[in-house]
Protein backbone atom coordinates (compact mmCIF):
# COMPACT_ATOMS: atom_id res chain seq x y z
CA UNK A 1 72.32 117.33 98.75
CA UNK A 2 70.13 115.00 96.72
CA UNK A 3 67.08 116.52 95.12
CA UNK A 4 64.09 114.89 93.51
CA UNK A 5 64.55 114.17 89.81
CA UNK A 6 68.33 114.14 89.88
CA UNK A 7 70.57 111.62 88.20
CA UNK A 8 73.21 110.31 90.58
CA UNK A 9 76.13 107.90 90.39
CA UNK A 10 77.13 105.68 93.30
CA UNK A 11 80.48 103.92 93.20
CA UNK A 12 80.96 100.82 95.34
CA UNK A 13 81.89 100.45 98.98
CA UNK A 14 80.27 100.07 102.36
CA UNK A 15 79.71 103.81 102.89
CA UNK A 16 77.84 104.16 99.60
CA UNK A 17 75.87 101.01 100.37
CA UNK A 18 74.68 102.74 103.56
CA UNK A 19 73.74 105.80 101.50
CA UNK A 20 71.75 103.59 99.11
CA UNK A 21 69.88 102.07 102.07
CA UNK A 22 69.01 105.55 103.37
CA UNK A 23 67.79 107.09 100.10
CA UNK A 24 64.12 107.93 100.58
CA UNK A 25 61.83 105.63 98.61
CA UNK A 26 59.51 108.54 97.82
CA UNK A 27 62.23 110.38 95.85
CA UNK A 28 62.12 109.99 92.10
CA UNK A 29 65.76 109.51 91.15
CA UNK A 30 67.81 107.84 88.48
CA UNK A 31 70.81 106.04 89.94
CA UNK A 32 73.72 104.69 87.94
CA UNK A 33 76.05 102.26 89.69
CA UNK A 34 78.70 99.69 88.79
CA UNK A 35 78.23 98.09 92.23
CA UNK A 36 76.22 94.89 92.35
CA UNK A 37 75.34 95.20 96.09
CA UNK A 38 74.25 98.83 95.65
CA UNK A 39 72.15 98.00 92.57
CA UNK A 40 70.39 95.22 94.47
CA UNK A 41 69.73 97.57 97.42
CA UNK A 42 68.33 100.28 95.13
CA UNK A 43 65.97 97.82 93.43
CA UNK A 44 63.94 97.73 96.68
CA UNK A 45 62.96 101.39 96.20
CA UNK A 46 60.05 101.73 93.78
CA UNK A 47 60.60 105.36 92.70
CA UNK A 48 64.29 104.95 91.96
CA UNK A 49 65.27 103.95 88.45
CA UNK A 50 68.40 101.80 88.62
CA UNK A 51 70.83 101.66 85.71
CA UNK A 52 73.59 99.13 86.20
CA UNK A 53 76.95 99.94 84.67
CA UNK A 54 78.05 96.52 83.50
CA UNK A 55 81.29 94.88 82.58
CA UNK A 56 83.75 92.38 83.99
CA UNK A 57 83.19 92.06 87.74
CA UNK A 58 85.88 92.59 90.35
CA UNK A 59 85.38 89.78 92.86
CA UNK A 60 86.99 91.76 95.70
CA UNK A 61 85.05 95.01 95.33
CA UNK A 62 81.93 93.59 93.61
CA UNK A 63 81.89 96.37 91.01
CA UNK A 64 82.03 96.28 87.24
CA UNK A 65 85.41 97.21 85.79
CA UNK A 66 87.06 97.36 82.39
CA UNK A 67 86.46 98.91 79.02
CA UNK A 68 82.71 98.29 78.76
CA UNK A 69 81.99 100.00 82.07
CA UNK A 70 84.33 102.92 81.34
CA UNK A 71 82.75 103.30 77.89
CA UNK A 72 79.27 103.53 79.41
CA UNK A 73 80.47 106.16 81.90
CA UNK A 74 81.86 108.25 79.02
CA UNK A 75 78.34 108.56 77.60
CA UNK A 76 76.61 110.00 80.67
CA UNK A 77 76.74 113.22 82.70
CA UNK A 78 75.21 112.85 86.17
CA UNK A 79 74.29 115.58 88.64
CA UNK A 80 76.23 114.09 91.57
CA UNK A 81 78.72 111.26 91.95
CA UNK A 82 79.18 109.74 95.40
CA UNK A 83 82.70 108.44 95.04
CA UNK A 84 83.66 105.80 97.60
CA UNK A 85 87.03 106.54 99.11
CA UNK A 86 89.69 103.99 100.03
CA UNK A 87 92.37 106.48 101.03
CA UNK A 88 92.41 110.27 101.21
CA UNK A 89 95.62 112.19 101.72
CA UNK A 90 95.79 116.02 101.72
CA UNK A 91 98.89 116.09 99.47
CA UNK A 92 98.62 112.84 97.47
CA UNK A 93 94.85 113.00 96.94
CA UNK A 94 92.51 110.04 96.57
CA UNK A 95 94.29 106.74 96.08
CA UNK A 96 93.40 103.06 95.61
CA UNK A 97 95.19 99.72 95.71
CA UNK A 98 93.60 98.37 92.49
CA UNK A 99 94.58 99.89 89.11
CA UNK A 100 91.33 98.94 87.35
CA UNK A 101 89.20 100.48 90.09
CA UNK A 102 91.28 103.65 89.76
CA UNK A 103 90.37 103.79 86.06
CA UNK A 104 86.67 103.36 86.89
CA UNK A 105 86.77 106.11 89.51
CA UNK A 106 88.54 108.48 87.12
CA UNK A 107 85.79 107.84 84.57
CA UNK A 108 83.15 108.45 87.26
CA UNK A 109 84.68 111.83 88.08
CA UNK A 110 84.70 112.83 84.39
CA UNK A 111 81.04 111.83 84.00
CA UNK A 112 79.87 113.98 86.94
CA UNK A 113 78.98 117.62 87.44
CA UNK A 114 79.65 117.38 91.20
CA UNK A 115 81.80 114.87 93.10
CA UNK A 116 81.08 114.02 96.73
CA UNK A 117 83.46 111.84 98.71
CA UNK A 118 81.94 110.17 101.75
CA UNK A 119 84.94 109.12 103.83
CA UNK A 120 85.22 107.65 107.31
CA UNK A 121 87.94 109.23 109.43
CA UNK A 122 90.13 106.10 109.47
CA UNK A 123 90.80 106.61 105.76
CA UNK A 124 91.85 110.26 106.09
CA UNK A 125 95.62 110.64 105.85
CA UNK A 126 96.09 107.14 104.45
CA UNK A 127 97.73 106.38 101.13
CA UNK A 128 97.56 103.58 98.57
CA UNK A 129 99.66 102.79 95.46
CA UNK A 130 97.60 104.32 92.66
CA UNK A 131 96.30 107.88 92.38
CA UNK A 132 92.72 108.63 91.36
CA UNK A 133 92.78 112.42 91.60
CA UNK A 134 93.90 115.43 93.59
CA UNK A 135 91.77 116.49 96.55
CA UNK A 136 90.74 119.64 94.64
CA UNK A 137 88.84 117.52 92.10
CA UNK A 138 86.39 116.63 94.87
CA UNK A 139 83.67 119.20 95.54
CA UNK A 140 82.47 117.91 98.92
CA UNK A 141 84.08 115.75 101.61
CA UNK A 142 81.66 114.15 104.07
CA UNK A 143 82.99 112.60 107.29
CA UNK A 144 81.65 111.78 110.72
CA UNK A 145 84.19 114.21 112.21
CA UNK A 146 83.27 117.55 113.71
CA UNK A 147 84.39 120.49 111.50
CA UNK A 148 87.04 121.56 114.02
CA UNK A 149 88.68 118.11 114.20
CA UNK A 150 92.46 118.34 113.70
CA UNK A 151 92.31 115.58 111.03
CA UNK A 152 90.49 118.04 108.75
CA UNK A 153 92.92 120.96 109.22
CA UNK A 154 94.92 120.11 106.10
CA UNK A 155 91.74 120.29 103.96
CA UNK A 156 90.41 123.63 105.26
CA UNK A 157 92.36 125.85 102.84
CA UNK A 158 91.47 123.76 99.82
CA UNK A 159 88.63 124.43 97.44
CA UNK A 160 86.48 121.68 98.99
CA UNK A 161 83.35 121.83 101.12
CA UNK A 162 83.67 119.90 104.40
CA UNK A 163 80.54 118.32 105.88
């Protein structure tokens, strides 16, 4: 999915941290992220330009939140956003437990041409308090599940690519 020369956006979370670790060092990429752990991981890769989206830090999630970070996101348009997922429900969409993180993720979606949601199967069907977006606002859902897994049935008739 990631091609040389692209500009990508990585939200926080353990799944995106794994993605950051696996990005090939030889790729020339520009990566925006509000996640301190992801930014530190990306700094080890010489061909990747890292642009940190700064602001007030959430101690729990270790990402920048608030007006400064949202403002910066409003001024960019990235090729792909890898949006970490806390909860994904086929009817209720993507949800989070933290209102300020919801605002950041909404801004990330608006600043992206394509939105990819890497999501482990334990989070599929779960629901939190605050809505980020409908499932249809996500272009690609990546899970470790096989395509025929019953947990993915509810997503098969939606306008979303399942990987």
